[in-house]
Structure formats: structure tokens, C-alpha cells
Amino acid sequence: INSIWALRNLYYLAPFNIKQDIINGLTIDRIYELLEQCTDEKFLICLLSLLRNLFDDKDTDALLPIFNPTKLLNVCCKKKQTEELKFRRIFL
């Protein structure tokens, strides 16, 4: 969890090239895998926060096509939703 929190904080207000480097290192497939297989609510909240910081207003148009927005929403919506997860997903 700590490494995802660190990446989440790094993403916040990071320039586009830094975000792209982190995505290349973590890989989009790994992000989807973590979203699909995660059973720890705290880890999932952290991962959703990371994605929220990734899709900053100025970078959303460039990054969203890389992630396949339909797949991203489907993966997020399949999870059993507690109130906290519903709140985090709304802001994603």
C-alpha cells in the first residue's frame, strides 16, 4: 500500500512526462490486474486515488485513450462497493 500511496502523491500535480514514465513502469495491464484482483478495500481506495491524480484536468485528454475508458469504468463498477469506494469512484 505504501508504494501506491507514494505514486499517488507523486502523480499529484506532476508534469505529463513524469506521469507517462510512471505508467510505463507500472504498466496499464498491471493497473487493470490490480483493480480486478484486489480484495483489500484500503489498497483499492489508494489505487483509485492514484488514478484520480493521474487524470488531472490538463492531462485527461492525452491519458484517457491509453486506458480505454470503457474498460476502466467496467472494472471499477464490478467491485463490491462500500460507501467509501462509491465516493472514490465518483471522483475518478
PDB file of N, CA and C in Angstrom:
ATOM      1  N   ILE A   1       0.832  -1.193   0.000  1.00  0.00           N
ATOM      2  CA  ILE A   1       0.000   0.000   0.000  1.00  0.00           C
ATOM      3  C   ILE A   1       0.872   1.250   0.000  1.00  0.00           C
ATOM      4  N   ASN A   2       1.968   1.210   0.728  1.00  0.00           N
ATOM      5  CA  ASN A   2       2.811   2.399   0.837  1.00  0.00           C
ATOM      6  C   ASN A   2       3.378   2.838  -0.508  1.00  0.00           C
ATOM      7  N   SER A   3       3.729   1.884  -1.346  1.00  0.00           N
ATOM      8  CA  SER A   3       4.281   2.260  -2.655  1.00  0.00           C
ATOM      9  C   SER A   3       3.214   2.911  -3.542  1.00  0.00           C
ATOM     10  N   ILE A   4       1.981   2.429  -3.453  1.00  0.00           N
ATOM     11  CA  ILE A   4       0.901   3.050  -4.233  1.00  0.00           C
ATOM     12  C   ILE A   4       0.605   4.448  -3.699  1.00  0.00           C
ATOM     13  N   TRP A   5       0.646   4.633  -2.366  1.00  0.00           N
ATOM     14  CA  TRP A   5       0.452   5.975  -1.804  1.00  0.00           C
ATOM     15  C   TRP A   5       1.552   6.915  -2.293  1.00  0.00           C
ATOM     16  N   ALA A   6       2.788   6.410  -2.352  1.00  0.00           N
ATOM     17  CA  ALA A   6       3.897   7.252  -2.823  1.00  0.00           C
ATOM     18  C   ALA A   6       3.684   7.660  -4.277  1.00  0.00           C
ATOM     19  N   LEU A   7       3.268   6.709  -5.126  1.00  0.00           N
ATOM     20  CA  LEU A   7       2.994   7.033  -6.527  1.00  0.00           C
ATOM     21  C   LEU A   7       1.809   7.997  -6.644  1.00  0.00           C
ATOM     22  N   ARG A   8       0.805   7.780  -5.831  1.00  0.00           N
ATOM     23  CA  ARG A   8      -0.358   8.665  -5.844  1.00  0.00           C
ATOM     24  C   ARG A   8       0.072  10.098  -5.552  1.00  0.00           C
ATOM     25  N   ASN A   9       0.909  10.263  -4.542  1.00  0.00           N
ATOM     26  CA  ASN A   9       1.373  11.600  -4.182  1.00  0.00           C
ATOM     27  C   ASN A   9       2.291  12.187  -5.254  1.00  0.00           C
ATOM     28  N   LEU A  10       3.073  11.348  -5.896  1.00  0.00           N
ATOM     29  CA  LEU A  10       3.947  11.813  -6.971  1.00  0.00           C
ATOM     30  C   LEU A  10       3.123  12.292  -8.170  1.00  0.00           C
ATOM     31  N   TYR A  11       2.029  11.597  -8.461  1.00  0.00           N
ATOM     32  CA  TYR A  11       1.165  11.981  -9.579  1.00  0.00           C
ATOM     33  C   TYR A  11       0.517  13.345  -9.386  1.00  0.00           C
ATOM     34  N   TYR A  12       0.244  13.689  -8.140  1.00  0.00           N
ATOM     35  CA  TYR A  12      -0.473  14.926  -7.869  1.00  0.00           C
ATOM     36  C   TYR A  12       0.342  16.117  -8.370  1.00  0.00           C
ATOM     37  N   LEU A  13      -0.169  16.811  -9.349  1.00  0.00           N
ATOM     38  CA  LEU A  13       0.446  17.977  -9.976  1.00  0.00           C
ATOM     39  C   LEU A  13       1.761  17.693 -10.698  1.00  0.00           C
ATOM     40  N   ALA A  14       2.039  16.422 -10.960  1.00  0.00           N
ATOM     41  CA  ALA A  14       3.252  16.080 -11.713  1.00  0.00           C
ATOM     42  C   ALA A  14       3.060  16.450 -13.183  1.00  0.00           C
ATOM     43  N   PRO A  15       4.134  16.814 -13.862  1.00  0.00           N
ATOM     44  CA  PRO A  15       4.012  17.095 -15.296  1.00  0.00           C
ATOM     45  C   PRO A  15       3.699  15.813 -16.067  1.00  0.00           C
ATOM     46  N   PHE A  16       3.181  15.996 -17.256  1.00  0.00           N
ATOM     47  CA  PHE A  16       2.733  14.873 -18.083  1.00  0.00           C
ATOM     48  C   PHE A  16       3.838  13.832 -18.291  1.00  0.00           C
ATOM     49  N   ASN A  17       5.068  14.271 -18.558  1.00  0.00           N
ATOM     50  CA  ASN A  17       6.143  13.308 -18.835  1.00  0.00           C
ATOM     51  C   ASN A  17       6.449  12.414 -17.634  1.00  0.00           C
ATOM     52  N   ILE A  18       6.310  12.925 -16.418  1.00  0.00           N
ATOM     53  CA  ILE A  18       6.511  12.108 -15.219  1.00  0.00           C
ATOM     54  C   ILE A  18       5.393  11.075 -15.100  1.00  0.00           C
ATOM     55  N   LYS A  19       4.161  11.507 -15.345  1.00  0.00           N
ATOM     56  CA  LYS A  19       3.027  10.581 -15.304  1.00  0.00           C
ATOM     57  C   LYS A  19       3.209   9.466 -16.331  1.00  0.00           C
ATOM     58  N   GLN A  20       3.666   9.833 -17.500  1.00  0.00           N
ATOM     59  CA  GLN A  20       3.873   8.849 -18.556  1.00  0.00           C
ATOM     60  C   GLN A  20       4.971   7.849 -18.176  1.00  0.00           C
ATOM     61  N   ASP A  21       6.042   8.325 -17.553  1.00  0.00           N
ATOM     62  CA  ASP A  21       7.118   7.434 -17.104  1.00  0.00           C
ATOM     63  C   ASP A  21       6.630   6.437 -16.067  1.00  0.00           C
ATOM     64  N   ILE A  22       5.791   6.897 -15.140  1.00  0.00           N
ATOM     65  CA  ILE A  22       5.265   6.005 -14.106  1.00  0.00           C
ATOM     66  C   ILE A  22       4.332   4.967 -14.727  1.00  0.00           C
ATOM     67  N   ILE A  23       3.489   5.395 -15.662  1.00  0.00           N
ATOM     68  CA  ILE A  23       2.596   4.453 -16.341  1.00  0.00           C
ATOM     69  C   ILE A  23       3.403   3.397 -17.082  1.00  0.00           C
ATOM     70  N   ASN A  24       4.466   3.815 -17.751  1.00  0.00           N
ATOM     71  CA  ASN A  24       5.313   2.862 -18.480  1.00  0.00           C
ATOM     72  C   ASN A  24       5.977   1.870 -17.543  1.00  0.00           C
ATOM     73  N   GLY A  25       6.360   2.318 -16.345  1.00  0.00           N
ATOM     74  CA  GLY A  25       6.981   1.417 -15.374  1.00  0.00           C
ATOM     75  C   GLY A  25       5.983   0.487 -14.719  1.00  0.00           C
ATOM     76  N   LEU A  26       4.836   1.021 -14.346  1.00  0.00           N
ATOM     77  CA  LEU A  26       3.806   0.221 -13.681  1.00  0.00           C
ATOM     78  C   LEU A  26       3.039  -0.637 -14.687  1.00  0.00           C
ATOM     79  N   THR A  27       2.836  -0.157 -15.847  1.00  0.00           N
ATOM     80  CA  THR A  27       2.094  -0.719 -16.986  1.00  0.00           C
ATOM     81  C   THR A  27       0.584  -0.685 -16.752  1.00  0.00           C
ATOM     82  N   ILE A  28      -0.108  -0.409 -17.814  1.00  0.00           N
ATOM     83  CA  ILE A  28      -1.571  -0.326 -17.764  1.00  0.00           C
ATOM     84  C   ILE A  28      -2.166  -1.694 -17.450  1.00  0.00           C
ATOM     85  N   ASP A  29      -1.583  -2.746 -18.011  1.00  0.00           N
ATOM     86  CA  ASP A  29      -2.086  -4.100 -17.726  1.00  0.00           C
ATOM     87  C   ASP A  29      -1.998  -4.420 -16.241  1.00  0.00           C
ATOM     88  N   ARG A  30      -0.918  -3.992 -15.604  1.00  0.00           N
ATOM     89  CA  ARG A  30      -0.754  -4.246 -14.163  1.00  0.00           C
ATOM     90  C   ARG A  30      -1.788  -3.451 -13.362  1.00  0.00           C
ATOM     91  N   ILE A  31      -2.079  -2.236 -13.779  1.00  0.00           N
ATOM     92  CA  ILE A  31      -3.090  -1.437 -13.092  1.00  0.00           C
ATOM     93  C   ILE A  31      -4.448  -2.124 -13.176  1.00  0.00           C
ATOM     94  N   TYR A  32      -4.813  -2.614 -14.373  1.00  0.00           N
ATOM     95  CA  TYR A  32      -6.079  -3.347 -14.522  1.00  0.00           C
ATOM     96  C   TYR A  32      -6.076  -4.618 -13.679  1.00  0.00           C
ATOM     97  N   GLU A  33      -4.962  -5.315 -13.674  1.00  0.00           N
ATOM     98  CA  GLU A  33      -4.850  -6.540 -12.886  1.00  0.00           C
ATOM     99  C   GLU A  33      -5.065  -6.249 -11.398  1.00  0.00           C
ATOM    100  N   LEU A  34      -4.439  -5.181 -10.912  1.00  0.00           N
ATOM    101  CA  LEU A  34      -4.613  -4.809  -9.511  1.00  0.00           C
ATOM    102  C   LEU A  34      -6.066  -4.441  -9.216  1.00  0.00           C
ATOM    103  N   LEU A  35      -6.690  -3.695 -10.108  1.00  0.00           N
ATOM    104  CA  LEU A  35      -8.093  -3.319  -9.915  1.00  0.00           C
ATOM    105  C   LEU A  35      -8.996  -4.545  -9.886  1.00  0.00           C
ATOM    106  N   GLU A  36      -8.755  -5.488 -10.783  1.00  0.00           N
ATOM    107  CA  GLU A  36      -9.620  -6.666 -10.888  1.00  0.00           C
ATOM    108  C   GLU A  36      -9.427  -7.635  -9.735  1.00  0.00           C
ATOM    109  N   GLN A  37      -8.204  -7.797  -9.263  1.00  0.00           N
ATOM    110  CA  GLN A  37      -7.914  -8.835  -8.277  1.00  0.00           C
ATOM    111  C   GLN A  37      -7.895  -8.347  -6.837  1.00  0.00           C
ATOM    112  N   CYS A  38      -7.924  -7.066  -6.633  1.00  0.00           N
ATOM    113  CA  CYS A  38      -7.786  -6.506  -5.291  1.00  0.00           C
ATOM    114  C   CYS A  38      -8.985  -6.860  -4.416  1.00  0.00           C
ATOM    115  N   THR A  39      -8.691  -7.342  -3.215  1.00  0.00           N
ATOM    116  CA  THR A  39      -9.735  -7.628  -2.243  1.00  0.00           C
ATOM    117  C   THR A  39      -9.593  -6.746  -0.999  1.00  0.00           C
ATOM    118  N   ASP A  40      -8.511  -6.019  -0.908  1.00  0.00           N
ATOM    119  CA  ASP A  40      -8.254  -5.131   0.225  1.00  0.00           C
ATOM    120  C   ASP A  40      -8.828  -3.749  -0.079  1.00  0.00           C
ATOM    121  N   GLU A  41      -9.818  -3.341   0.686  1.00  0.00           N
ATOM    122  CA  GLU A  41     -10.500  -2.077   0.417  1.00  0.00           C
ATOM    123  C   GLU A  41      -9.551  -0.883   0.513  1.00  0.00           C
ATOM    124  N   LYS A  42      -8.662  -0.877   1.493  1.00  0.00           N
ATOM    125  CA  LYS A  42      -7.730   0.251   1.641  1.00  0.00           C
ATOM    126  C   LYS A  42      -6.806   0.360   0.431  1.00  0.00           C
ATOM    127  N   PHE A  43      -6.344  -0.775  -0.055  1.00  0.00           N
ATOM    128  CA  PHE A  43      -5.478  -0.770  -1.233  1.00  0.00           C
ATOM    129  C   PHE A  43      -6.252  -0.271  -2.456  1.00  0.00           C
ATOM    130  N   LEU A  44      -7.482  -0.723  -2.600  1.00  0.00           N
ATOM    131  CA  LEU A  44      -8.308  -0.304  -3.732  1.00  0.00           C
ATOM    132  C   LEU A  44      -8.591   1.200  -3.676  1.00  0.00           C
ATOM    133  N   ILE A  45      -8.871   1.728  -2.507  1.00  0.00           N
ATOM    134  CA  ILE A  45      -9.074   3.169  -2.356  1.00  0.00           C
ATOM    135  C   ILE A  45      -7.811   3.922  -2.754  1.00  0.00           C
ATOM    136  N   CYS A  46      -6.678   3.418  -2.339  1.00  0.00           N
ATOM    137  CA  CYS A  46      -5.403   4.034  -2.695  1.00  0.00           C
ATOM    138  C   CYS A  46      -5.193   4.006  -4.206  1.00  0.00           C
ATOM    139  N   LEU A  47      -5.504   2.895  -4.832  1.00  0.00           N
ATOM    140  CA  LEU A  47      -5.343   2.764  -6.281  1.00  0.00           C
ATOM    141  C   LEU A  47      -6.296   3.701  -7.029  1.00  0.00           C
ATOM    142  N   LEU A  48      -7.522   3.823  -6.558  1.00  0.00           N
ATOM    143  CA  LEU A  48      -8.465   4.765  -7.172  1.00  0.00           C
ATOM    144  C   LEU A  48      -7.998   6.208  -7.007  1.00  0.00           C
ATOM    145  N   SER A  49      -7.400   6.509  -5.871  1.00  0.00           N
ATOM    146  CA  SER A  49      -6.854   7.854  -5.649  1.00  0.00           C
ATOM    147  C   SER A  49      -5.692   8.126  -6.594  1.00  0.00           C
ATOM    148  N   LEU A  50      -4.871   7.112  -6.818  1.00  0.00           N
ATOM    149  CA  LEU A  50      -3.775   7.247  -7.775  1.00  0.00           C
ATOM    150  C   LEU A  50      -4.320   7.570  -9.163  1.00  0.00           C
ATOM    151  N   LEU A  51      -5.354   6.865  -9.578  1.00  0.00           N
ATOM    152  CA  LEU A  51      -5.947   7.114 -10.895  1.00  0.00           C
ATOM    153  C   LEU A  51      -6.571   8.505 -10.965  1.00  0.00           C
ATOM    154  N   ARG A  52      -7.208   8.934  -9.884  1.00  0.00           N
ATOM    155  CA  ARG A  52      -7.774  10.278  -9.857  1.00  0.00           C
ATOM    156  C   ARG A  52      -6.682  11.325 -10.064  1.00  0.00           C
ATOM    157  N   ASN A  53      -5.557  11.162  -9.385  1.00  0.00           N
ATOM    158  CA  ASN A  53      -4.458  12.110  -9.539  1.00  0.00           C
ATOM    159  C   ASN A  53      -3.831  12.022 -10.925  1.00  0.00           C
ATOM    160  N   LEU A  54      -3.845  10.855 -11.500  1.00  0.00           N
ATOM    161  CA  LEU A  54      -3.308  10.687 -12.849  1.00  0.00           C
ATOM    162  C   LEU A  54      -4.108  11.488 -13.861  1.00  0.00           C
ATOM    163  N   PHE A  55      -5.435  11.429 -13.746  1.00  0.00           N
ATOM    164  CA  PHE A  55      -6.301  12.097 -14.714  1.00  0.00           C
ATOM    165  C   PHE A  55      -6.609  13.532 -14.297  1.00  0.00           C
ATOM    166  N   ASP A  56      -5.569  14.272 -14.034  1.00  0.00           N
ATOM    167  CA  ASP A  56      -5.684  15.704 -13.757  1.00  0.00           C
ATOM    168  C   ASP A  56      -6.311  16.367 -14.977  1.00  0.00           C
ATOM    169  N   ASP A  57      -7.038  17.437 -14.761  1.00  0.00           N
ATOM    170  CA  ASP A  57      -7.752  18.122 -15.851  1.00  0.00           C
ATOM    171  C   ASP A  57      -6.898  18.355 -17.089  1.00  0.00           C
ATOM    172  N   LYS A  58      -5.690  18.808 -16.900  1.00  0.00           N
ATOM    173  CA  LYS A  58      -4.876  19.179 -18.051  1.00  0.00           C
ATOM    174  C   LYS A  58      -4.338  17.965 -18.818  1.00  0.00           C
ATOM    175  N   ASP A  59      -4.316  16.788 -18.199  1.00  0.00           N
ATOM    176  CA  ASP A  59      -3.752  15.603 -18.844  1.00  0.00           C
ATOM    177  C   ASP A  59      -4.781  14.556 -19.243  1.00  0.00           C
ATOM    178  N   THR A  60      -6.026  14.741 -18.881  1.00  0.00           N
ATOM    179  CA  THR A  60      -7.050  13.728 -19.125  1.00  0.00           C
ATOM    180  C   THR A  60      -7.179  13.380 -20.605  1.00  0.00           C
ATOM    181  N   ASP A  61      -7.232  14.378 -21.464  1.00  0.00           N
ATOM    182  CA  ASP A  61      -7.409  14.117 -22.895  1.00  0.00           C
ATOM    183  C   ASP A  61      -6.285  13.281 -23.479  1.00  0.00           C
ATOM    184  N   ALA A  62      -5.090  13.450 -22.982  1.00  0.00           N
ATOM    185  CA  ALA A  62      -3.945  12.698 -23.504  1.00  0.00           C
ATOM    186  C   ALA A  62      -3.860  11.293 -22.906  1.00  0.00           C
ATOM    187  N   LEU A  63      -4.252  11.133 -21.644  1.00  0.00           N
ATOM    188  CA  LEU A  63      -4.066   9.856 -20.963  1.00  0.00           C
ATOM    189  C   LEU A  63      -5.254   8.900 -21.055  1.00  0.00           C
ATOM    190  N   LEU A  64      -6.451   9.423 -21.091  1.00  0.00           N
ATOM    191  CA  LEU A  64      -7.631   8.559 -21.065  1.00  0.00           C
ATOM    192  C   LEU A  64      -7.683   7.557 -22.214  1.00  0.00           C
ATOM    193  N   PRO A  65      -7.343   7.941 -23.451  1.00  0.00           N
ATOM    194  CA  PRO A  65      -7.367   6.941 -24.531  1.00  0.00           C
ATOM    195  C   PRO A  65      -6.399   5.772 -24.303  1.00  0.00           C
ATOM    196  N   ILE A  66      -5.321   6.009 -23.612  1.00  0.00           N
ATOM    197  CA  ILE A  66      -4.354   4.944 -23.314  1.00  0.00           C
ATOM    198  C   ILE A  66      -5.006   3.884 -22.433  1.00  0.00           C
ATOM    199  N   PHE A  67      -5.908   4.312 -21.555  1.00  0.00           N
ATOM    200  CA  PHE A  67      -6.511   3.419 -20.573  1.00  0.00           C
ATOM    201  C   PHE A  67      -7.789   2.744 -21.030  1.00  0.00           C
ATOM    202  N   ASN A  68      -8.342   3.091 -22.165  1.00  0.00           N
ATOM    203  CA  ASN A  68      -9.610   2.540 -22.599  1.00  0.00           C
ATOM    204  C   ASN A  68     -10.668   2.840 -21.531  1.00  0.00           C
ATOM    205  N   PRO A  69     -11.290   4.022 -21.604  1.00  0.00           N
ATOM    206  CA  PRO A  69     -12.210   4.465 -20.555  1.00  0.00           C
ATOM    207  C   PRO A  69     -13.355   3.496 -20.264  1.00  0.00           C
ATOM    208  N   THR A  70     -13.854   2.820 -21.270  1.00  0.00           N
ATOM    209  CA  THR A  70     -14.950   1.873 -21.055  1.00  0.00           C
ATOM    210  C   THR A  70     -14.490   0.721 -20.173  1.00  0.00           C
ATOM    211  N   LYS A  71     -13.329   0.176 -20.478  1.00  0.00           N
ATOM    212  CA  LYS A  71     -12.792  -0.922 -19.675  1.00  0.00           C
ATOM    213  C   LYS A  71     -12.508  -0.462 -18.243  1.00  0.00           C
ATOM    214  N   LEU A  72     -11.965   0.729 -18.110  1.00  0.00           N
ATOM    215  CA  LEU A  72     -11.646   1.256 -16.790  1.00  0.00           C
ATOM    216  C   LEU A  72     -12.907   1.382 -15.931  1.00  0.00           C
ATOM    217  N   LEU A  73     -13.967   1.927 -16.496  1.00  0.00           N
ATOM    218  CA  LEU A  73     -15.223   2.051 -15.746  1.00  0.00           C
ATOM    219  C   LEU A  73     -15.832   0.694 -15.432  1.00  0.00           C
ATOM    220  N   ASN A  74     -15.775  -0.231 -16.384  1.00  0.00           N
ATOM    221  CA  ASN A  74     -16.326  -1.568 -16.144  1.00  0.00           C
ATOM    222  C   ASN A  74     -15.605  -2.281 -15.008  1.00  0.00           C
ATOM    223  N   VAL A  75     -14.282  -2.186 -14.992  1.00  0.00           N
ATOM    224  CA  VAL A  75     -13.505  -2.830 -13.936  1.00  0.00           C
ATOM    225  C   VAL A  75     -13.842  -2.213 -12.587  1.00  0.00           C
ATOM    226  N   CYS A  76     -13.944  -0.902 -12.538  1.00  0.00           N
ATOM    227  CA  CYS A  76     -14.252  -0.223 -11.282  1.00  0.00           C
ATOM    228  C   CYS A  76     -15.669  -0.529 -10.802  1.00  0.00           C
ATOM    229  N   CYS A  77     -16.601  -0.652 -11.711  1.00  0.00           N
ATOM    230  CA  CYS A  77     -18.004  -0.877 -11.337  1.00  0.00           C
ATOM    231  C   CYS A  77     -18.285  -2.313 -10.917  1.00  0.00           C
ATOM    232  N   LYS A  78     -17.429  -3.248 -11.290  1.00  0.00           N
ATOM    233  CA  LYS A  78     -17.648  -4.649 -10.935  1.00  0.00           C
ATOM    234  C   LYS A  78     -17.369  -4.929  -9.460  1.00  0.00           C
ATOM    235  N   LYS A  79     -16.595  -4.071  -8.826  1.00  0.00           N
ATOM    236  CA  LYS A  79     -16.213  -4.292  -7.440  1.00  0.00           C
ATOM    237  C   LYS A  79     -17.397  -4.112  -6.508  1.00  0.00           C
ATOM    238  N   LYS A  80     -17.393  -4.909  -5.424  1.00  0.00           N
ATOM    239  CA  LYS A  80     -18.385  -4.712  -4.372  1.00  0.00           C
ATOM    240  C   LYS A  80     -18.112  -3.335  -3.771  1.00  0.00           C
ATOM    241  N   GLN A  81     -19.138  -2.524  -3.720  1.00  0.00           N
ATOM    242  CA  GLN A  81     -18.954  -1.119  -3.373  1.00  0.00           C
ATOM    243  C   GLN A  81     -19.388  -0.811  -1.940  1.00  0.00           C
ATOM    244  N   THR A  82     -18.442  -0.407  -1.125  1.00  0.00           N
ATOM    245  CA  THR A  82     -18.790   0.177   0.167  1.00  0.00           C
ATOM    246  C   THR A  82     -19.055   1.660  -0.093  1.00  0.00           C
ATOM    247  N   GLU A  83     -19.541   2.351   0.890  1.00  0.00           N
ATOM    248  CA  GLU A  83     -19.804   3.782   0.709  1.00  0.00           C
ATOM    249  C   GLU A  83     -18.532   4.548   0.360  1.00  0.00           C
ATOM    250  N   GLU A  84     -17.416   4.185   0.989  1.00  0.00           N
ATOM    251  CA  GLU A  84     -16.143   4.857   0.709  1.00  0.00           C
ATOM    252  C   GLU A  84     -15.715   4.620  -0.732  1.00  0.00           C
ATOM    253  N   LEU A  85     -15.857   3.390  -1.220  1.00  0.00           N
ATOM    254  CA  LEU A  85     -15.477   3.095  -2.603  1.00  0.00           C
ATOM    255  C   LEU A  85     -16.386   3.801  -3.593  1.00  0.00           C
ATOM    256  N   LYS A  86     -17.671   3.873  -3.281  1.00  0.00           N
ATOM    257  CA  LYS A  86     -18.586   4.610  -4.161  1.00  0.00           C
ATOM    258  C   LYS A  86     -18.174   6.070  -4.253  1.00  0.00           C
ATOM    259  N   PHE A  87     -17.817   6.651  -3.129  1.00  0.00           N
ATOM    260  CA  PHE A  87     -17.384   8.048  -3.082  1.00  0.00           C
ATOM    261  C   PHE A  87     -16.123   8.235  -3.917  1.00  0.00           C
ATOM    262  N   ARG A  88     -15.137   7.353  -3.776  1.00  0.00           N
ATOM    263  CA  ARG A  88     -13.877   7.461  -4.525  1.00  0.00           C
ATOM    264  C   ARG A  88     -14.130   7.289  -6.020  1.00  0.00           C
ATOM    265  N   ARG A  89     -14.998   6.358  -6.388  1.00  0.00           N
ATOM    266  CA  ARG A  89     -15.267   6.100  -7.793  1.00  0.00           C
ATOM    267  C   ARG A  89     -15.945   7.310  -8.449  1.00  0.00           C
ATOM    268  N   ILE A  90     -16.804   7.989  -7.711  1.00  0.00           N
ATOM    269  CA  ILE A  90     -17.470   9.176  -8.245  1.00  0.00           C
ATOM    270  C   ILE A  90     -16.445  10.215  -8.666  1.00  0.00           C
ATOM    271  N   PHE A  91     -15.397  10.368  -7.879  1.00  0.00           N
ATOM    272  CA  PHE A  91     -14.406  11.391  -8.172  1.00  0.00           C
ATOM    273  C   PHE A  91     -13.326  10.934  -9.138  1.00  0.00           C
ATOM    274  N   LEU A  92     -13.397   9.706  -9.566  1.00  0.00           N
ATOM    275  CA  LEU A  92     -12.474   9.220 -10.588  1.00  0.00           C
ATOM    276  C   LEU A  92     -12.961   9.707 -11.918  1.00  0.00           C
TER     277      LEU A  92
END
